[in-house]
Amino acid sequence: MAMIKCEECGHAISDKAEVCISCGCPTDAAVQPSTSRTGASGAWSAVTRSRTPINLFAIAMMSCASILGMSATQIENPDSLMAFTYTLHVFMAVTGMFFVTILFCRKGVYHPDDLAKAKRDGLSDELGEDRPVVAAVLIVIMLTAYAVYQAVYA
């Protein structure tokens, strides 16, 4: 058993280890032979193989949209219409925050192992830099705009 340095953090680990015990970065022992992955197809491949809840969350959002759409056809009472409207507002707010997060915090939606593999395959530059401050500012602007809308029109 030989000791090697982790490519990510420089910590000494066994050459048989699948991941670094310090940072969790996969080692060469864990990396499967990869085919040539370049361009958008490589990035899409990383998304579809992702072991994060982001794919499940997207499916849950689509399901909620379907349920809300079906519910809208059943409303007859004015109070029910108001309740539905606020439910729709909440759904739209969550959807907006979800998309802002995906746009400005792309690396946060991937599993660390997938990010390490993308870095090794040369795909990490496709994701760009995370900008959580921009995402937070946009979310605050969205919430403020909604509060102003409610104050004016409610």
C-alpha atoms as a PDB file:
ATOM      1  CA  MET A   1       0.000   0.000   0.000  1.00  0.00           C
ATOM      2  CA  ALA A   2       1.493   3.312  -1.098  1.00  0.00           C
ATOM      3  CA  MET A   3       0.560   6.766   0.095  1.00  0.00           C
ATOM      4  CA  ILE A   4      -0.459   9.420  -2.412  1.00  0.00           C
ATOM      5  CA  LYS A   5      -1.546  13.033  -2.095  1.00  0.00           C
ATOM      6  CA  CYS A   6      -5.143  14.023  -2.682  1.00  0.00           C
ATOM      7  CA  GLU A   7      -5.424  16.124  -5.832  1.00  0.00           C
ATOM      8  CA  GLU A   8      -7.943  18.416  -4.147  1.00  0.00           C
ATOM      9  CA  CYS A   9      -6.590  19.085  -0.652  1.00  0.00           C
ATOM     10  CA  GLY A  10      -3.077  17.548  -0.641  1.00  0.00           C
ATOM     11  CA  HIS A  11      -3.819  15.237   2.324  1.00  0.00           C
ATOM     12  CA  ALA A  12      -1.844  11.959   2.349  1.00  0.00           C
ATOM     13  CA  ILE A  13      -4.120   8.978   1.619  1.00  0.00           C
ATOM     14  CA  SER A  14      -3.770   5.337   0.588  1.00  0.00           C
ATOM     15  CA  ASP A  15      -3.563   4.620  -3.122  1.00  0.00           C
ATOM     16  CA  LYS A  16      -6.306   2.022  -2.539  1.00  0.00           C
ATOM     17  CA  ALA A  17      -8.732   4.553  -1.028  1.00  0.00           C
ATOM     18  CA  GLU A  18     -11.719   5.432  -3.175  1.00  0.00           C
ATOM     19  CA  VAL A  19     -12.152   8.875  -1.615  1.00  0.00           C
ATOM     20  CA  CYS A  20      -9.963  11.246   0.385  1.00  0.00           C
ATOM     21  CA  ILE A  21     -10.662  10.926   4.109  1.00  0.00           C
ATOM     22  CA  SER A  22     -10.106  14.646   4.527  1.00  0.00           C
ATOM     23  CA  CYS A  23     -12.187  16.256   1.774  1.00  0.00           C
ATOM     24  CA  GLY A  24     -14.121  13.368   0.183  1.00  0.00           C
ATOM     25  CA  CYS A  25     -12.627  13.894  -3.266  1.00  0.00           C
ATOM     26  CA  PRO A  26     -12.665  10.647  -5.300  1.00  0.00           C
ATOM     27  CA  THR A  27      -9.265   9.178  -6.103  1.00  0.00           C
ATOM     28  CA  ASP A  28      -8.046   7.476  -9.250  1.00  0.00           C
ATOM     29  CA  ALA A  29      -9.072   4.153  -7.689  1.00  0.00           C
ATOM     30  CA  ALA A  30     -12.693   5.336  -7.643  1.00  0.00           C
ATOM     31  CA  VAL A  31     -12.789   6.965 -11.066  1.00  0.00           C
ATOM     32  CA  GLN A  32     -14.204   4.753 -13.769  1.00  0.00           C
ATOM     33  CA  PRO A  33     -12.750   5.003 -17.250  1.00  0.00           C
ATOM     34  CA  SER A  34     -14.545   7.895 -18.870  1.00  0.00           C
ATOM     35  CA  THR A  35     -15.446   8.329 -22.473  1.00  0.00           C
ATOM     36  CA  SER A  36     -14.769  11.547 -24.252  1.00  0.00           C
ATOM     37  CA  ARG A  37     -17.245  14.015 -22.754  1.00  0.00           C
ATOM     38  CA  THR A  38     -17.163  17.544 -24.009  1.00  0.00           C
ATOM     39  CA  GLY A  39     -19.628  20.347 -24.461  1.00  0.00           C
ATOM     40  CA  ALA A  40     -23.207  20.466 -23.256  1.00  0.00           C
ATOM     41  CA  SER A  41     -23.731  16.710 -23.530  1.00  0.00           C
ATOM     42  CA  GLY A  42     -21.091  16.195 -20.808  1.00  0.00           C
ATOM     43  CA  ALA A  43     -22.783  18.715 -18.537  1.00  0.00           C
ATOM     44  CA  TRP A  44     -26.206  17.154 -19.187  1.00  0.00           C
ATOM     45  CA  SER A  45     -24.752  13.725 -18.420  1.00  0.00           C
ATOM     46  CA  ALA A  46     -23.550  15.021 -15.048  1.00  0.00           C
ATOM     47  CA  VAL A  47     -27.020  16.390 -14.289  1.00  0.00           C
ATOM     48  CA  THR A  48     -28.832  13.153 -15.137  1.00  0.00           C
ATOM     49  CA  ARG A  49     -26.422  11.065 -13.052  1.00  0.00           C
ATOM     50  CA  SER A  50     -26.558  13.460 -10.132  1.00  0.00           C
ATOM     51  CA  ARG A  51     -27.099  11.864  -6.744  1.00  0.00           C
ATOM     52  CA  THR A  52     -28.543  15.014  -5.231  1.00  0.00           C
ATOM     53  CA  PRO A  53     -32.204  15.711  -4.486  1.00  0.00           C
ATOM     54  CA  ILE A  54     -32.349  18.408  -7.181  1.00  0.00           C
ATOM     55  CA  ASN A  55     -33.889  16.061  -9.780  1.00  0.00           C
ATOM     56  CA  LEU A  56     -36.484  14.849  -7.287  1.00  0.00           C
ATOM     57  CA  PHE A  57     -37.242  18.452  -6.318  1.00  0.00           C
ATOM     58  CA  ALA A  58     -37.821  19.377  -9.965  1.00  0.00           C
ATOM     59  CA  ILE A  59     -40.225  16.460 -10.394  1.00  0.00           C
ATOM     60  CA  ALA A  60     -42.048  17.463  -7.190  1.00  0.00           C
ATOM     61  CA  MET A  61     -42.427  21.016  -8.534  1.00  0.00           C
ATOM     62  CA  MET A  62     -43.913  19.743 -11.782  1.00  0.00           C
ATOM     63  CA  SER A  63     -46.323  17.547  -9.809  1.00  0.00           C
ATOM     64  CA  CYS A  64     -47.380  20.514  -7.669  1.00  0.00           C
ATOM     65  CA  ALA A  65     -47.955  22.596 -10.794  1.00  0.00           C
ATOM     66  CA  SER A  66     -50.180  19.854 -12.200  1.00  0.00           C
ATOM     67  CA  ILE A  67     -52.168  19.608  -8.972  1.00  0.00           C
ATOM     68  CA  LEU A  68     -52.558  23.394  -8.794  1.00  0.00           C
ATOM     69  CA  GLY A  69     -53.697  23.470 -12.406  1.00  0.00           C
ATOM     70  CA  MET A  70     -56.309  20.785 -11.781  1.00  0.00           C
ATOM     71  CA  SER A  71     -57.439  22.524  -8.575  1.00  0.00           C
ATOM     72  CA  ALA A  72     -58.042  25.753 -10.475  1.00  0.00           C
ATOM     73  CA  THR A  73     -60.752  24.073 -12.528  1.00  0.00           C
ATOM     74  CA  GLN A  74     -62.690  23.093  -9.372  1.00  0.00           C
ATOM     75  CA  ILE A  75     -62.960  26.534  -7.694  1.00  0.00           C
ATOM     76  CA  GLU A  76     -66.432  28.033  -7.279  1.00  0.00           C
ATOM     77  CA  ASN A  77     -66.385  29.761  -3.873  1.00  0.00           C
ATOM     78  CA  PRO A  78     -64.732  33.243  -3.709  1.00  0.00           C
ATOM     79  CA  ASP A  79     -62.920  32.284  -0.483  1.00  0.00           C
ATOM     80  CA  SER A  80     -61.555  29.190  -2.188  1.00  0.00           C
ATOM     81  CA  LEU A  81     -60.345  31.356  -5.043  1.00  0.00           C
ATOM     82  CA  MET A  82     -58.419  33.571  -2.606  1.00  0.00           C
ATOM     83  CA  ALA A  83     -56.849  30.527  -0.917  1.00  0.00           C
ATOM     84  CA  PHE A  84     -55.905  29.120  -4.308  1.00  0.00           C
ATOM     85  CA  THR A  85     -54.395  32.442  -5.344  1.00  0.00           C
ATOM     86  CA  TYR A  86     -52.134  32.558  -2.286  1.00  0.00           C
ATOM     87  CA  THR A  87     -51.173  28.905  -2.789  1.00  0.00           C
ATOM     88  CA  LEU A  88     -50.229  29.751  -6.357  1.00  0.00           C
ATOM     89  CA  HIS A  89     -48.196  32.740  -5.142  1.00  0.00           C
ATOM     90  CA  VAL A  90     -46.255  30.531  -2.737  1.00  0.00           C
ATOM     91  CA  PHE A  91     -45.612  27.979  -5.468  1.00  0.00           C
ATOM     92  CA  MET A  92     -44.373  30.692  -7.834  1.00  0.00           C
ATOM     93  CA  ALA A  93     -42.091  32.116  -5.124  1.00  0.00           C
ATOM     94  CA  VAL A  94     -40.543  28.716  -4.414  1.00  0.00           C
ATOM     95  CA  THR A  95     -40.137  28.090  -8.144  1.00  0.00           C
ATOM     96  CA  GLY A  96     -38.471  31.475  -8.613  1.00  0.00           C
ATOM     97  CA  MET A  97     -36.070  30.858  -5.738  1.00  0.00           C
ATOM     98  CA  PHE A  98     -35.302  27.403  -7.134  1.00  0.00           C
ATOM     99  CA  PHE A  99     -34.378  28.787 -10.552  1.00  0.00           C
ATOM    100  CA  VAL A 100     -32.368  31.691  -9.140  1.00  0.00           C
ATOM    101  CA  THR A 101     -30.420  29.197  -7.050  1.00  0.00           C
ATOM    102  CA  ILE A 102     -29.750  26.980 -10.062  1.00  0.00           C
ATOM    103  CA  LEU A 103     -28.610  29.967 -12.123  1.00  0.00           C
ATOM    104  CA  PHE A 104     -26.208  31.412  -9.587  1.00  0.00           C
ATOM    105  CA  CYS A 105     -25.193  28.413  -7.414  1.00  0.00           C
ATOM    106  CA  ARG A 106     -24.701  25.701 -10.013  1.00  0.00           C
ATOM    107  CA  LYS A 107     -22.053  23.760  -8.128  1.00  0.00           C
ATOM    108  CA  GLY A 108     -24.366  23.487  -5.143  1.00  0.00           C
ATOM    109  CA  VAL A 109     -26.765  21.223  -7.023  1.00  0.00           C
ATOM    110  CA  TYR A 110     -24.173  18.525  -7.726  1.00  0.00           C
ATOM    111  CA  HIS A 111     -22.778  15.840  -5.468  1.00  0.00           C
ATOM    112  CA  PRO A 112     -19.101  16.513  -4.500  1.00  0.00           C
ATOM    113  CA  ASP A 113     -18.040  13.276  -6.245  1.00  0.00           C
ATOM    114  CA  ASP A 114     -19.664  14.445  -9.477  1.00  0.00           C
ATOM    115  CA  LEU A 115     -17.928  17.825  -9.196  1.00  0.00           C
ATOM    116  CA  ALA A 116     -14.567  16.117  -8.678  1.00  0.00           C
ATOM    117  CA  LYS A 117     -15.159  13.909 -11.731  1.00  0.00           C
ATOM    118  CA  ALA A 118     -16.196  16.932 -13.794  1.00  0.00           C
ATOM    119  CA  LYS A 119     -13.004  18.695 -12.720  1.00  0.00           C
ATOM    120  CA  ARG A 120     -10.922  15.710 -13.813  1.00  0.00           C
ATOM    121  CA  ASP A 121     -12.762  15.519 -17.140  1.00  0.00           C
ATOM    122  CA  GLY A 122     -12.236  19.232 -17.715  1.00  0.00           C
ATOM    123  CA  LEU A 123     -15.929  20.105 -17.408  1.00  0.00           C
ATOM    124  CA  SER A 124     -15.795  22.165 -14.208  1.00  0.00           C
ATOM    125  CA  ASP A 125     -15.259  25.399 -16.151  1.00  0.00           C
ATOM    126  CA  GLU A 126     -18.645  24.895 -17.860  1.00  0.00           C
ATOM    127  CA  LEU A 127     -20.417  25.415 -14.548  1.00  0.00           C
ATOM    128  CA  GLY A 128     -18.850  28.816 -13.919  1.00  0.00           C
ATOM    129  CA  GLU A 129     -18.338  30.373 -10.524  1.00  0.00           C
ATOM    130  CA  ASP A 130     -21.000  30.212  -7.848  1.00  0.00           C
ATOM    131  CA  ARG A 131     -22.447  33.591  -6.880  1.00  0.00           C
ATOM    132  CA  PRO A 132     -24.604  33.017  -3.798  1.00  0.00           C
ATOM    133  CA  VAL A 133     -24.642  36.724  -2.937  1.00  0.00           C
ATOM    134  CA  VAL A 134     -26.247  37.535  -6.300  1.00  0.00           C
ATOM    135  CA  ALA A 135     -28.803  34.755  -5.741  1.00  0.00           C
ATOM    136  CA  ALA A 136     -29.606  36.054  -2.241  1.00  0.00           C
ATOM    137  CA  VAL A 137     -30.002  39.631  -3.512  1.00  0.00           C
ATOM    138  CA  LEU A 138     -32.352  38.518  -6.293  1.00  0.00           C
ATOM    139  CA  ILE A 139     -34.428  36.447  -3.869  1.00  0.00           C
ATOM    140  CA  VAL A 140     -34.715  39.438  -1.502  1.00  0.00           C
ATOM    141  CA  ILE A 141     -35.760  41.640  -4.452  1.00  0.00           C
ATOM    142  CA  MET A 142     -38.407  39.062  -5.452  1.00  0.00           C
ATOM    143  CA  LEU A 143     -39.782  38.880  -1.915  1.00  0.00           C
ATOM    144  CA  THR A 144     -39.761  42.676  -1.568  1.00  0.00           C
ATOM    145  CA  ALA A 145     -41.569  43.087  -4.889  1.00  0.00           C
ATOM    146  CA  TYR A 146     -44.202  40.625  -3.729  1.00  0.00           C
ATOM    147  CA  ALA A 147     -44.609  42.464  -0.418  1.00  0.00           C
ATOM    148  CA  VAL A 148     -45.065  45.745  -2.294  1.00  0.00           C
ATOM    149  CA  TYR A 149     -47.569  44.080  -4.627  1.00  0.00           C
ATOM    150  CA  GLN A 150     -49.555  42.779  -1.624  1.00  0.00           C
ATOM    151  CA  ALA A 151     -49.484  46.202   0.066  1.00  0.00           C
ATOM    152  CA  VAL A 152     -50.753  47.953  -3.053  1.00  0.00           C
ATOM    153  CA  TYR A 153     -53.280  45.435  -4.399  1.00  0.00           C
ATOM    154  CA  ALA A 154     -54.451  43.503  -1.333  1.00  0.00           C
END
